Amino acid sequence: MALGSEEWHKQRKDNHKEVERRRRETINEGINELAKIVPGCEKNKGSILQRAVAYILQLKQNEAQNIEKWTLEKLLTEQAIQELSSSNDKLKTECERAYRELTMWKNVAQAAGLELPQPKNES
């Protein structure tokens, strides 16, 4: 097949048609996949693409709202944990103080000659 011959031009044209056919097929497959994923799509390619764009934008907006919501929830949870931890530390300190005071009063009572009742063993 000689370069520039009629047969060469026909082969080149046929190759171009095949490449173009595969390109359209790939585009159509992609649009059909979008139609399966995106809710409420019609069969029209243009409306499928428009609906896909709207759906993606909605997903991005939802994602941003969720990130904002989760960030706020995380901050509130961390704040609640901090408050509970602080409250727990205060209670622990108060229990330790009460135990020291109890020990002191036991010693005062024993020094005064009082016999303290023994705690009952729970079984």
PDB file of N, CA and C in Angstrom:
ATOM      1  N   MET A   1       0.861  -1.163   0.000  1.00  0.00           N
ATOM      2  CA  MET A   1       0.000   0.000   0.000  1.00  0.00           C
ATOM      3  C   MET A   1       0.913   1.232   0.000  1.00  0.00           C
ATOM      4  N   ALA A   2       0.807   2.007  -1.048  1.00  0.00           N
ATOM      5  CA  ALA A   2       1.681   3.168  -1.235  1.00  0.00           C
ATOM      6  C   ALA A   2       1.135   4.362  -0.465  1.00  0.00           C
ATOM      7  N   LEU A   3       2.064   5.102   0.134  1.00  0.00           N
ATOM      8  CA  LEU A   3       1.720   6.295   0.881  1.00  0.00           C
ATOM      9  C   LEU A   3       1.020   7.287  -0.044  1.00  0.00           C
ATOM     10  N   GLY A   4      -0.179   7.759   0.341  1.00  0.00           N
ATOM     11  CA  GLY A   4      -0.926   8.711  -0.469  1.00  0.00           C
ATOM     12  C   GLY A   4      -1.848   8.086  -1.486  1.00  0.00           C
ATOM     13  N   SER A   5      -1.810   6.736  -1.615  1.00  0.00           N
ATOM     14  CA  SER A   5      -2.669   6.067  -2.589  1.00  0.00           C
ATOM     15  C   SER A   5      -4.111   6.063  -2.082  1.00  0.00           C
ATOM     16  N   GLU A   6      -5.031   5.715  -2.977  1.00  0.00           N
ATOM     17  CA  GLU A   6      -6.455   5.666  -2.624  1.00  0.00           C
ATOM     18  C   GLU A   6      -6.676   4.628  -1.519  1.00  0.00           C
ATOM     19  N   GLU A   7      -6.002   3.501  -1.648  1.00  0.00           N
ATOM     20  CA  GLU A   7      -6.121   2.431  -0.644  1.00  0.00           C
ATOM     21  C   GLU A   7      -5.585   2.921   0.717  1.00  0.00           C
ATOM     22  N   TRP A   8      -4.488   3.651   0.677  1.00  0.00           N
ATOM     23  CA  TRP A   8      -3.902   4.207   1.913  1.00  0.00           C
ATOM     24  C   TRP A   8      -4.883   5.179   2.578  1.00  0.00           C
ATOM     25  N   HIS A   9      -5.517   6.054   1.799  1.00  0.00           N
ATOM     26  CA  HIS A   9      -6.502   7.007   2.324  1.00  0.00           C
ATOM     27  C   HIS A   9      -7.714   6.288   2.902  1.00  0.00           C
ATOM     28  N   LYS A  10      -8.147   5.213   2.212  1.00  0.00           N
ATOM     29  CA  LYS A  10      -9.301   4.441   2.706  1.00  0.00           C
ATOM     30  C   LYS A  10      -8.956   3.781   4.042  1.00  0.00           C
ATOM     31  N   GLN A  11      -7.753   3.192   4.131  1.00  0.00           N
ATOM     32  CA  GLN A  11      -7.322   2.532   5.370  1.00  0.00           C
ATOM     33  C   GLN A  11      -7.235   3.558   6.508  1.00  0.00           C
ATOM     34  N   ARG A  12      -6.695   4.707   6.200  1.00  0.00           N
ATOM     35  CA  ARG A  12      -6.556   5.763   7.199  1.00  0.00           C
ATOM     36  C   ARG A  12      -7.938   6.225   7.677  1.00  0.00           C
ATOM     37  N   LYS A  13      -8.869   6.386   6.757  1.00  0.00           N
ATOM     38  CA  LYS A  13     -10.239   6.799   7.090  1.00  0.00           C
ATOM     39  C   LYS A  13     -10.914   5.736   7.943  1.00  0.00           C
ATOM     40  N   ASP A  14     -10.743   4.449   7.585  1.00  0.00           N
ATOM     41  CA  ASP A  14     -11.340   3.347   8.356  1.00  0.00           C
ATOM     42  C   ASP A  14     -10.764   3.306   9.775  1.00  0.00           C
ATOM     43  N   ASN A  15      -9.455   3.511   9.890  1.00  0.00           N
ATOM     44  CA  ASN A  15      -8.823   3.533  11.215  1.00  0.00           C
ATOM     45  C   ASN A  15      -9.396   4.663  12.073  1.00  0.00           C
ATOM     46  N   HIS A  16      -9.544   5.821  11.445  1.00  0.00           N
ATOM     47  CA  HIS A  16     -10.092   6.973  12.171  1.00  0.00           C
ATOM     48  C   HIS A  16     -11.523   6.682  12.634  1.00  0.00           C
ATOM     49  N   LYS A  17     -12.319   6.058  11.759  1.00  0.00           N
ATOM     50  CA  LYS A  17     -13.704   5.711  12.133  1.00  0.00           C
ATOM     51  C   LYS A  17     -13.722   4.769  13.327  1.00  0.00           C
ATOM     52  N   GLU A  18     -12.817   3.792  13.340  1.00  0.00           N
ATOM     53  CA  GLU A  18     -12.759   2.817  14.440  1.00  0.00           C
ATOM     54  C   GLU A  18     -12.355   3.505  15.753  1.00  0.00           C
ATOM     55  N   VAL A  19     -11.356   4.363  15.686  1.00  0.00           N
ATOM     56  CA  VAL A  19     -10.920   5.101  16.872  1.00  0.00           C
ATOM     57  C   VAL A  19     -12.067   5.955  17.403  1.00  0.00           C
ATOM     58  N   GLU A  20     -12.746   6.624  16.517  1.00  0.00           N
ATOM     59  CA  GLU A  20     -13.874   7.491  16.910  1.00  0.00           C
ATOM     60  C   GLU A  20     -15.019   6.658  17.493  1.00  0.00           C
ATOM     61  N   ARG A  21     -15.295   5.492  16.905  1.00  0.00           N
ATOM     62  CA  ARG A  21     -16.352   4.608  17.414  1.00  0.00           C
ATOM     63  C   ARG A  21     -16.037   4.164  18.850  1.00  0.00           C
ATOM     64  N   ARG A  22     -14.776   3.777  19.112  1.00  0.00           N
ATOM     65  CA  ARG A  22     -14.374   3.357  20.457  1.00  0.00           C
ATOM     66  C   ARG A  22     -14.473   4.521  21.453  1.00  0.00           C
ATOM     67  N   ARG A  23     -14.119   5.721  21.005  1.00  0.00           N
ATOM     68  CA  ARG A  23     -14.210   6.898  21.871  1.00  0.00           C
ATOM     69  C   ARG A  23     -15.672   7.143  22.275  1.00  0.00           C
ATOM     70  N   ARG A  24     -16.594   7.101  21.302  1.00  0.00           N
ATOM     71  CA  ARG A  24     -18.026   7.298  21.601  1.00  0.00           C
ATOM     72  C   ARG A  24     -18.539   6.198  22.528  1.00  0.00           C
ATOM     73  N   GLU A  25     -18.091   4.983  22.294  1.00  0.00           N
ATOM     74  CA  GLU A  25     -18.505   3.849  23.114  1.00  0.00           C
ATOM     75  C   GLU A  25     -18.058   4.048  24.572  1.00  0.00           C
ATOM     76  N   THR A  26     -16.828   4.499  24.752  1.00  0.00           N
ATOM     77  CA  THR A  26     -16.299   4.759  26.101  1.00  0.00           C
ATOM     78  C   THR A  26     -17.102   5.856  26.787  1.00  0.00           C
ATOM     79  N   ILE A  27     -17.406   6.923  26.054  1.00  0.00           N
ATOM     80  CA  ILE A  27     -18.209   8.022  26.618  1.00  0.00           C
ATOM     81  C   ILE A  27     -19.594   7.520  27.005  1.00  0.00           C
ATOM     82  N   ASN A  28     -20.220   6.748  26.118  1.00  0.00           N
ATOM     83  CA  ASN A  28     -21.564   6.227  26.404  1.00  0.00           C
ATOM     84  C   ASN A  28     -21.555   5.294  27.620  1.00  0.00           C
ATOM     85  N   GLU A  29     -20.520   4.455  27.730  1.00  0.00           N
ATOM     86  CA  GLU A  29     -20.423   3.569  28.894  1.00  0.00           C
ATOM     87  C   GLU A  29     -20.307   4.385  30.182  1.00  0.00           C
ATOM     88  N   GLY A  30     -19.497   5.442  30.135  1.00  0.00           N
ATOM     89  CA  GLY A  30     -19.343   6.315  31.307  1.00  0.00           C
ATOM     90  C   GLY A  30     -20.649   6.979  31.691  1.00  0.00           C
ATOM     91  N   ILE A  31     -21.373   7.472  30.710  1.00  0.00           N
ATOM     92  CA  ILE A  31     -22.660   8.126  30.982  1.00  0.00           C
ATOM     93  C   ILE A  31     -23.656   7.113  31.549  1.00  0.00           C
ATOM     94  N   ASN A  32     -23.653   5.902  31.011  1.00  0.00           N
ATOM     95  CA  ASN A  32     -24.554   4.863  31.531  1.00  0.00           C
ATOM     96  C   ASN A  32     -24.212   4.496  32.974  1.00  0.00           C
ATOM     97  N   GLU A  33     -22.919   4.457  33.294  1.00  0.00           N
ATOM     98  CA  GLU A  33     -22.501   4.185  34.681  1.00  0.00           C
ATOM     99  C   GLU A  33     -22.973   5.303  35.604  1.00  0.00           C
ATOM    100  N   LEU A  34     -22.839   6.543  35.156  1.00  0.00           N
ATOM    101  CA  LEU A  34     -23.340   7.674  35.948  1.00  0.00           C
ATOM    102  C   LEU A  34     -24.840   7.536  36.205  1.00  0.00           C
ATOM    103  N   ALA A  35     -25.581   7.157  35.169  1.00  0.00           N
ATOM    104  CA  ALA A  35     -27.034   7.016  35.299  1.00  0.00           C
ATOM    105  C   ALA A  35     -27.394   5.972  36.362  1.00  0.00           C
ATOM    106  N   LYS A  36     -26.574   4.924  36.501  1.00  0.00           N
ATOM    107  CA  LYS A  36     -26.828   3.885  37.510  1.00  0.00           C
ATOM    108  C   LYS A  36     -26.549   4.403  38.919  1.00  0.00           C
ATOM    109  N   ILE A  37     -25.564   5.283  39.050  1.00  0.00           N
ATOM    110  CA  ILE A  37     -25.131   5.762  40.363  1.00  0.00           C
ATOM    111  C   ILE A  37     -25.978   6.922  40.866  1.00  0.00           C
ATOM    112  N   VAL A  38     -26.325   7.826  39.974  1.00  0.00           N
ATOM    113  CA  VAL A  38     -27.017   9.064  40.352  1.00  0.00           C
ATOM    114  C   VAL A  38     -28.527   8.810  40.395  1.00  0.00           C
ATOM    115  N   PRO A  39     -29.149   9.119  41.547  1.00  0.00           N
ATOM    116  CA  PRO A  39     -30.595   8.891  41.649  1.00  0.00           C
ATOM    117  C   PRO A  39     -31.387   9.863  40.768  1.00  0.00           C
ATOM    118  N   GLY A  40     -32.496   9.385  40.246  1.00  0.00           N
ATOM    119  CA  GLY A  40     -33.425  10.230  39.503  1.00  0.00           C
ATOM    120  C   GLY A  40     -32.978  10.611  38.109  1.00  0.00           C
ATOM    121  N   CYS A  41     -32.140   9.781  37.487  1.00  0.00           N
ATOM    122  CA  CYS A  41     -31.666  10.107  36.138  1.00  0.00           C
ATOM    123  C   CYS A  41     -32.659   9.641  35.088  1.00  0.00           C
ATOM    124  N   GLU A  42     -32.734  10.443  34.022  1.00  0.00           N
ATOM    125  CA  GLU A  42     -33.525  10.050  32.850  1.00  0.00           C
ATOM    126  C   GLU A  42     -32.586   9.342  31.875  1.00  0.00           C
ATOM    127  N   LYS A  43     -33.126   8.944  30.735  1.00  0.00           N
ATOM    128  CA  LYS A  43     -32.301   8.240  29.741  1.00  0.00           C
ATOM    129  C   LYS A  43     -31.526   9.199  28.851  1.00  0.00           C
ATOM    130  N   ASN A  44     -31.879  10.457  28.866  1.00  0.00           N
ATOM    131  CA  ASN A  44     -31.245  11.475  28.044  1.00  0.00           C
ATOM    132  C   ASN A  44     -29.831  11.758  28.557  1.00  0.00           C
ATOM    133  N   LYS A  45     -28.831  11.686  27.685  1.00  0.00           N
ATOM    134  CA  LYS A  45     -27.426  11.864  28.092  1.00  0.00           C
ATOM    135  C   LYS A  45     -27.181  13.229  28.724  1.00  0.00           C
ATOM    136  N   GLY A  46     -27.745  14.256  28.128  1.00  0.00           N
ATOM    137  CA  GLY A  46     -27.570  15.608  28.654  1.00  0.00           C
ATOM    138  C   GLY A  46     -28.122  15.746  30.064  1.00  0.00           C
ATOM    139  N   SER A  47     -29.317  15.203  30.287  1.00  0.00           N
ATOM    140  CA  SER A  47     -29.918  15.310  31.618  1.00  0.00           C
ATOM    141  C   SER A  47     -29.166  14.434  32.629  1.00  0.00           C
ATOM    142  N   ILE A  48     -28.609  13.321  32.165  1.00  0.00           N
ATOM    143  CA  ILE A  48     -27.797  12.472  33.050  1.00  0.00           C
ATOM    144  C   ILE A  48     -26.580  13.265  33.530  1.00  0.00           C
ATOM    145  N   LEU A  49     -25.915  13.943  32.616  1.00  0.00           N
ATOM    146  CA  LEU A  49     -24.740  14.722  32.989  1.00  0.00           C
ATOM    147  C   LEU A  49     -25.114  15.890  33.906  1.00  0.00           C
ATOM    148  N   GLN A  50     -26.213  16.588  33.603  1.00  0.00           N
ATOM    149  CA  GLN A  50     -26.655  17.695  34.462  1.00  0.00           C
ATOM    150  C   GLN A  50     -27.003  17.188  35.860  1.00  0.00           C
ATOM    151  N   ARG A  51     -27.719  16.070  35.917  1.00  0.00           N
ATOM    152  CA  ARG A  51     -28.121  15.500  37.212  1.00  0.00           C
ATOM    153  C   ARG A  51     -26.880  15.031  37.985  1.00  0.00           C
ATOM    154  N   ALA A  52     -25.896  14.480  37.283  1.00  0.00           N
ATOM    155  CA  ALA A  52     -24.662  14.030  37.937  1.00  0.00           C
ATOM    156  C   ALA A  52     -23.918  15.211  38.559  1.00  0.00           C
ATOM    157  N   VAL A  53     -23.845  16.323  37.839  1.00  0.00           N
ATOM    158  CA  VAL A  53     -23.184  17.518  38.372  1.00  0.00           C
ATOM    159  C   VAL A  53     -23.917  18.003  39.618  1.00  0.00           C
ATOM    160  N   ALA A  54     -25.250  18.090  39.546  1.00  0.00           N
ATOM    161  CA  ALA A  54     -26.043  18.547  40.702  1.00  0.00           C
ATOM    162  C   ALA A  54     -25.847  17.603  41.885  1.00  0.00           C
ATOM    163  N   TYR A  55     -25.817  16.305  41.605  1.00  0.00           N
ATOM    164  CA  TYR A  55     -25.661  15.302  42.673  1.00  0.00           C
ATOM    165  C   TYR A  55     -24.284  15.423  43.333  1.00  0.00           C
ATOM    166  N   ILE A  56     -23.250  15.601  42.541  1.00  0.00           N
ATOM    167  CA  ILE A  56     -21.885  15.744  43.077  1.00  0.00           C
ATOM    168  C   ILE A  56     -21.792  17.005  43.930  1.00  0.00           C
ATOM    169  N   LEU A  57     -22.377  18.103  43.456  1.00  0.00           N
ATOM    170  CA  LEU A  57     -22.371  19.336  44.241  1.00  0.00           C
ATOM    171  C   LEU A  57     -23.106  19.156  45.566  1.00  0.00           C
ATOM    172  N   GLN A  58     -24.226  18.427  45.532  1.00  0.00           N
ATOM    173  CA  GLN A  58     -24.984  18.156  46.768  1.00  0.00           C
ATOM    174  C   GLN A  58     -24.159  17.301  47.730  1.00  0.00           C
ATOM    175  N   LEU A  59     -23.465  16.295  47.201  1.00  0.00           N
ATOM    176  CA  LEU A  59     -22.608  15.447  48.036  1.00  0.00           C
ATOM    177  C   LEU A  59     -21.489  16.267  48.674  1.00  0.00           C
ATOM    178  N   LYS A  60     -20.893  17.175  47.902  1.00  0.00           N
ATOM    179  CA  LYS A  60     -19.834  18.020  48.445  1.00  0.00           C
ATOM    180  C   LYS A  60     -20.373  18.930  49.547  1.00  0.00           C
ATOM    181  N   GLN A  61     -21.573  19.465  49.354  1.00  0.00           N
ATOM    182  CA  GLN A  61     -22.186  20.316  50.369  1.00  0.00           C
ATOM    183  C   GLN A  61     -22.485  19.500  51.632  1.00  0.00           C
ATOM    184  N   ASN A  62     -23.033  18.298  51.448  1.00  0.00           N
ATOM    185  CA  ASN A  62     -23.313  17.413  52.589  1.00  0.00           C
ATOM    186  C   ASN A  62     -22.030  17.079  53.338  1.00  0.00           C
ATOM    187  N   GLU A  63     -20.969  16.825  52.580  1.00  0.00           N
ATOM    188  CA  GLU A  63     -19.687  16.495  53.199  1.00  0.00           C
ATOM    189  C   GLU A  63     -19.199  17.662  54.053  1.00  0.00           C
ATOM    190  N   ALA A  64     -19.294  18.861  53.512  1.00  0.00           N
ATOM    191  CA  ALA A  64     -18.843  20.047  54.255  1.00  0.00           C
ATOM    192  C   ALA A  64     -19.674  20.226  55.524  1.00  0.00           C
ATOM    193  N   GLN A  65     -20.988  20.037  55.417  1.00  0.00           N
ATOM    194  CA  GLN A  65     -21.865  20.160  56.590  1.00  0.00           C
ATOM    195  C   GLN A  65     -21.534  19.088  57.626  1.00  0.00           C
ATOM    196  N   ASN A  66     -21.290  17.869  57.158  1.00  0.00           N
ATOM    197  CA  ASN A  66     -20.959  16.786  58.088  1.00  0.00           C
ATOM    198  C   ASN A  66     -19.637  17.038  58.788  1.00  0.00           C
ATOM    199  N   ILE A  67     -18.656  17.535  58.054  1.00  0.00           N
ATOM    200  CA  ILE A  67     -17.358  17.834  58.666  1.00  0.00           C
ATOM    201  C   ILE A  67     -17.535  18.900  59.740  1.00  0.00           C
ATOM    202  N   GLU A  68     -18.333  19.922  59.440  1.00  0.00           N
ATOM    203  CA  GLU A  68     -18.591  20.984  60.410  1.00  0.00           C
ATOM    204  C   GLU A  68     -19.303  20.410  61.642  1.00  0.00           C
ATOM    205  N   LYS A  69     -20.306  19.579  61.405  1.00  0.00           N
ATOM    206  CA  LYS A  69     -21.070  18.970  62.503  1.00  0.00           C
ATOM    207  C   LYS A  69     -20.170  18.071  63.351  1.00  0.00           C
ATOM    208  N   TRP A  70     -19.369  17.239  62.706  1.00  0.00           N
ATOM    209  CA  TRP A  70     -18.492  16.318  63.444  1.00  0.00           C
ATOM    210  C   TRP A  70     -17.411  17.072  64.213  1.00  0.00           C
ATOM    211  N   THR A  71     -16.930  18.166  63.635  1.00  0.00           N
ATOM    212  CA  THR A  71     -15.928  18.969  64.325  1.00  0.00           C
ATOM    213  C   THR A  71     -16.532  19.570  65.596  1.00  0.00           C
ATOM    214  N   LEU A  72     -17.744  20.097  65.481  1.00  0.00           N
ATOM    215  CA  LEU A  72     -18.424  20.664  66.649  1.00  0.00           C
ATOM    216  C   LEU A  72     -18.684  19.576  67.690  1.00  0.00           C
ATOM    217  N   GLU A  73     -19.173  18.420  67.250  1.00  0.00           N
ATOM    218  CA  GLU A  73     -19.427  17.318  68.175  1.00  0.00           C
ATOM    219  C   GLU A  73     -18.138  16.879  68.867  1.00  0.00           C
ATOM    220  N   LYS A  74     -17.045  16.835  68.125  1.00  0.00           N
ATOM    221  CA  LYS A  74     -15.762  16.443  68.702  1.00  0.00           C
ATOM    222  C   LYS A  74     -15.342  17.447  69.768  1.00  0.00           C
ATOM    223  N   LEU A  75     -15.474  18.741  69.461  1.00  0.00           N
ATOM    224  CA  LEU A  75     -15.111  19.769  70.436  1.00  0.00           C
ATOM    225  C   LEU A  75     -15.974  19.674  71.692  1.00  0.00           C
ATOM    226  N   LEU A  76     -17.286  19.469  71.502  1.00  0.00           N
ATOM    227  CA  LEU A  76     -18.191  19.345  72.652  1.00  0.00           C
ATOM    228  C   LEU A  76     -17.866  18.107  73.473  1.00  0.00           C
ATOM    229  N   THR A  77     -17.534  17.011  72.802  1.00  0.00           N
ATOM    230  CA  THR A  77     -17.173  15.784  73.499  1.00  0.00           C
ATOM    231  C   THR A  77     -15.880  15.976  74.288  1.00  0.00           C
ATOM    232  N   GLU A  78     -14.893  16.607  73.655  1.00  0.00           N
ATOM    233  CA  GLU A  78     -13.629  16.864  74.351  1.00  0.00           C
ATOM    234  C   GLU A  78     -13.850  17.772  75.562  1.00  0.00           C
ATOM    235  N   GLN A  79     -14.725  18.767  75.412  1.00  0.00           N
ATOM    236  CA  GLN A  79     -15.029  19.671  76.520  1.00  0.00           C
ATOM    237  C   GLN A  79     -15.714  18.903  77.648  1.00  0.00           C
ATOM    238  N   ALA A  80     -16.669  18.031  77.303  1.00  0.00           N
ATOM    239  CA  ALA A  80     -17.372  17.238  78.315  1.00  0.00           C
ATOM    240  C   ALA A  80     -16.399  16.305  79.032  1.00  0.00           C
ATOM    241  N   ILE A  81     -15.484  15.695  78.291  1.00  0.00           N
ATOM    242  CA  ILE A  81     -14.482  14.808  78.897  1.00  0.00           C
ATOM    243  C   ILE A  81     -13.609  15.594  79.861  1.00  0.00           C
ATOM    244  N   GLN A  82     -13.204  16.792  79.436  1.00  0.00           N
ATOM    245  CA  GLN A  82     -12.370  17.637  80.299  1.00  0.00           C
ATOM    246  C   GLN A  82     -13.119  18.003  81.583  1.00  0.00           C
ATOM    247  N   GLU A  83     -14.397  18.368  81.443  1.00  0.00           N
ATOM    248  CA  GLU A  83     -15.195  18.721  82.619  1.00  0.00           C
ATOM    249  C   GLU A  83     -15.377  17.521  83.542  1.00  0.00           C
ATOM    250  N   LEU A  84     -15.640  16.351  82.970  1.00  0.00           N
ATOM    251  CA  LEU A  84     -15.788  15.139  83.782  1.00  0.00           C
ATOM    252  C   LEU A  84     -14.480  14.769  84.473  1.00  0.00           C
ATOM    253  N   SER A  85     -13.380  14.926  83.756  1.00  0.00           N
ATOM    254  CA  SER A  85     -12.074  14.627  84.327  1.00  0.00           C
ATOM    255  C   SER A  85     -11.778  15.559  85.493  1.00  0.00           C
ATOM    256  N   SER A  86     -12.091  16.839  85.304  1.00  0.00           N
ATOM    257  CA  SER A  86     -11.882  17.820  86.370  1.00  0.00           C
ATOM    258  C   SER A  86     -12.769  17.499  87.570  1.00  0.00           C
ATOM    259  N   SER A  87     -14.020  17.177  87.322  1.00  0.00           N
ATOM    260  CA  SER A  87     -14.958  16.818  88.391  1.00  0.00           C
ATOM    261  C   SER A  87     -14.478  15.562  89.119  1.00  0.00           C
ATOM    262  N   ASN A  88     -13.983  14.602  88.346  1.00  0.00           N
ATOM    263  CA  ASN A  88     -13.462  13.360  88.928  1.00  0.00           C
ATOM    264  C   ASN A  88     -12.262  13.655  89.832  1.00  0.00           C
ATOM    265  N   ASP A  89     -11.372  14.542  89.370  1.00  0.00           N
ATOM    266  CA  ASP A  89     -10.204  14.911  90.184  1.00  0.00           C
ATOM    267  C   ASP A  89     -10.643  15.580  91.490  1.00  0.00           C
ATOM    268  N   LYS A  90     -11.656  16.454  91.400  1.00  0.00           N
ATOM    269  CA  LYS A  90     -12.163  17.132  92.608  1.00  0.00           C
ATOM    270  C   LYS A  90     -12.758  16.118  93.584  1.00  0.00           C
ATOM    271  N   LEU A  91     -13.527  15.168  93.043  1.00  0.00           N
ATOM    272  CA  LEU A  91     -14.131  14.140  93.911  1.00  0.00           C
ATOM    273  C   LEU A  91     -13.054  13.277  94.562  1.00  0.00           C
ATOM    274  N   LYS A  92     -12.034  12.937  93.794  1.00  0.00           N
ATOM    275  CA  LYS A  92     -10.937  12.133  94.324  1.00  0.00           C
ATOM    276  C   LYS A  92     -10.233  12.883  95.457  1.00  0.00           C
ATOM    277  N   THR A  93      -9.970  14.172  95.246  1.00  0.00           N
ATOM    278  CA  THR A  93      -9.339  14.994  96.276  1.00  0.00           C
ATOM    279  C   THR A  93     -10.223  15.068  97.516  1.00  0.00           C
ATOM    280  N   GLU A  94     -11.521  15.246  97.319  1.00  0.00           N
ATOM    281  CA  GLU A  94     -12.460  15.325  98.446  1.00  0.00           C
ATOM    282  C   GLU A  94     -12.514  13.992  99.206  1.00  0.00           C
ATOM    283  N   CYS A  95     -12.502  12.883  98.492  1.00  0.00           N
ATOM    284  CA  CYS A  95     -12.503  11.560  99.144  1.00  0.00           C
ATOM    285  C   CYS A  95     -11.223  11.374  99.966  1.00  0.00           C
ATOM    286  N   GLU A  96     -10.096  11.779  99.393  1.00  0.00           N
ATOM    287  CA  GLU A  96      -8.827  11.658 100.126  1.00  0.00           C
ATOM    288  C   GLU A  96      -8.851  12.522 101.386  1.00  0.00           C
ATOM    289  N   ARG A  97      -9.402  13.751 101.279  1.00  0.00           N
ATOM    290  CA  ARG A  97      -9.504  14.639 102.432  1.00  0.00           C
ATOM    291  C   ARG A  97     -10.424  14.038 103.492  1.00  0.00           C
ATOM    292  N   ALA A  98     -11.571  13.484 103.057  1.00  0.00           N
ATOM    293  CA  ALA A  98     -12.515  12.879 103.997  1.00  0.00           C
ATOM    294  C   ALA A  98     -11.883  11.662 104.682  1.00  0.00           C
ATOM    295  N   TYR A  99     -11.100  10.883 103.935  1.00  0.00           N
ATOM    296  CA  TYR A  99     -10.444   9.716 104.527  1.00  0.00           C
ATOM    297  C   TYR A  99      -9.415  10.140 105.579  1.00  0.00           C
ATOM    298  N   ARG A 100      -8.644  11.195 105.273  1.00  0.00           N
ATOM    299  CA  ARG A 100      -7.673  11.707 106.262  1.00  0.00           C
ATOM    300  C   ARG A 100      -8.388  12.196 107.522  1.00  0.00           C
ATOM    301  N   GLU A 101      -9.508  12.886 107.320  1.00  0.00           N
ATOM    302  CA  GLU A 101     -10.274  13.389 108.469  1.00  0.00           C
ATOM    303  C   GLU A 101     -10.832  12.223 109.287  1.00  0.00           C
ATOM    304  N   LEU A 102     -11.327  11.196 108.606  1.00  0.00           N
ATOM    305  CA  LEU A 102     -11.842  10.018 109.308  1.00  0.00           C
ATOM    306  C   LEU A 102     -10.735   9.350 110.130  1.00  0.00           C
ATOM    307  N   THR A 103      -9.568   9.214 109.516  1.00  0.00           N
ATOM    308  CA  THR A 103      -8.429   8.609 110.213  1.00  0.00           C
ATOM    309  C   THR A 103      -8.064   9.424 111.451  1.00  0.00           C
ATOM    310  N   MET A 104      -8.073  10.744 111.288  1.00  0.00           N
ATOM    311  CA  MET A 104      -7.756  11.616 112.423  1.00  0.00           C
ATOM    312  C   MET A 104      -8.780  11.418 113.549  1.00  0.00           C
ATOM    313  N   TRP A 105     -10.061  11.374 113.207  1.00  0.00           N
ATOM    314  CA  TRP A 105     -11.102  11.211 114.234  1.00  0.00           C
ATOM    315  C   TRP A 105     -11.033   9.828 114.884  1.00  0.00           C
ATOM    316  N   LYS A 106     -10.658   8.821 114.115  1.00  0.00           N
ATOM    317  CA  LYS A 106     -10.461   7.489 114.706  1.00  0.00           C
ATOM    318  C   LYS A 106      -9.351   7.547 115.748  1.00  0.00           C
ATOM    319  N   ASN A 107      -8.258   8.217 115.387  1.00  0.00           N
ATOM    320  CA  ASN A 107      -7.133   8.336 116.325  1.00  0.00           C
ATOM    321  C   ASN A 107      -7.553   9.111 117.581  1.00  0.00           C
ATOM    322  N   VAL A 108      -8.326  10.191 117.385  1.00  0.00           N
ATOM    323  CA  VAL A 108      -8.818  10.975 118.539  1.00  0.00           C
ATOM    324  C   VAL A 108      -9.696  10.096 119.421  1.00  0.00           C
ATOM    325  N   ALA A 109     -10.582   9.310 118.803  1.00  0.00           N
ATOM    326  CA  ALA A 109     -11.493   8.457 119.567  1.00  0.00           C
ATOM    327  C   ALA A 109     -10.713   7.381 120.317  1.00  0.00           C
ATOM    328  N   GLN A 110      -9.732   6.774 119.667  1.00  0.00           N
ATOM    329  CA  GLN A 110      -8.931   5.741 120.328  1.00  0.00           C
ATOM    330  C   GLN A 110      -8.108   6.346 121.465  1.00  0.00           C
ATOM    331  N   ALA A 111      -7.586   7.544 121.265  1.00  0.00           N
ATOM    332  CA  ALA A 111      -6.802   8.209 122.316  1.00  0.00           C
ATOM    333  C   ALA A 111      -7.688   8.544 123.521  1.00  0.00           C
ATOM    334  N   ALA A 112      -8.977   8.764 123.251  1.00  0.00           N
ATOM    335  CA  ALA A 112      -9.915   9.073 124.336  1.00  0.00           C
ATOM    336  C   ALA A 112     -10.421   7.794 124.995  1.00  0.00           C
ATOM    337  N   GLY A 113      -9.977   6.645 124.512  1.00  0.00           N
ATOM    338  CA  GLY A 113     -10.361   5.377 125.121  1.00  0.00           C
ATOM    339  C   GLY A 113     -11.635   4.773 124.559  1.00  0.00           C
ATOM    340  N   LEU A 114     -12.129   5.279 123.480  1.00  0.00           N
ATOM    341  CA  LEU A 114     -13.339   4.713 122.869  1.00  0.00           C
ATOM    342  C   LEU A 114     -12.959   3.537 121.978  1.00  0.00           C
ATOM    343  N   GLU A 115     -13.747   2.511 122.097  1.00  0.00           N
ATOM    344  CA  GLU A 115     -13.531   1.370 121.195  1.00  0.00           C
ATOM    345  C   GLU A 115     -14.414   1.544 119.961  1.00  0.00           C
ATOM    346  N   LEU A 116     -13.798   1.408 118.817  1.00  0.00           N
ATOM    347  CA  LEU A 116     -14.538   1.574 117.574  1.00  0.00           C
ATOM    348  C   LEU A 116     -15.085   0.242 117.114  1.00  0.00           C
ATOM    349  N   PRO A 117     -16.314   0.256 116.631  1.00  0.00           N
ATOM    350  CA  PRO A 117     -16.877  -0.992 116.119  1.00  0.00           C
ATOM    351  C   PRO A 117     -16.092  -1.452 114.877  1.00  0.00           C
ATOM    352  N   GLN A 118     -15.936  -2.744 114.748  1.00  0.00           N
ATOM    353  CA  GLN A 118     -15.245  -3.306 113.595  1.00  0.00           C
ATOM    354  C   GLN A 118     -16.237  -3.388 112.425  1.00  0.00           C
ATOM    355  N   PRO A 119     -15.777  -3.061 111.238  1.00  0.00           N
ATOM    356  CA  PRO A 119     -16.682  -3.162 110.082  1.00  0.00           C
ATOM    357  C   PRO A 119     -17.067  -4.624 109.846  1.00  0.00           C
ATOM    358  N   LYS A 120     -18.310  -4.799 109.423  1.00  0.00           N
ATOM    359  CA  LYS A 120     -18.788  -6.166 109.136  1.00  0.00           C
ATOM    360  C   LYS A 120     -18.256  -6.601 107.786  1.00  0.00           C
ATOM    361  N   ASN A 121     -17.782  -7.840 107.717  1.00  0.00           N
ATOM    362  CA  ASN A 121     -17.327  -8.385 106.429  1.00  0.00           C
ATOM    363  C   ASN A 121     -18.535  -8.792 105.631  1.00  0.00           C
ATOM    364  N   GLU A 122     -18.584  -8.293 104.412  1.00  0.00           N
ATOM    365  CA  GLU A 122     -19.689  -8.669 103.541  1.00  0.00           C
ATOM    366  C   GLU A 122     -19.296  -9.907 102.764  1.00  0.00           C
ATOM    367  N   SER A 123     -20.234 -10.883 102.686  1.00  0.00           N
ATOM    368  CA  SER A 123     -19.918 -12.093 101.938  1.00  0.00           C
ATOM    369  C   SER A 123     -20.800 -12.230 100.754  1.00  0.00           C
TER     370      SER A 123
END
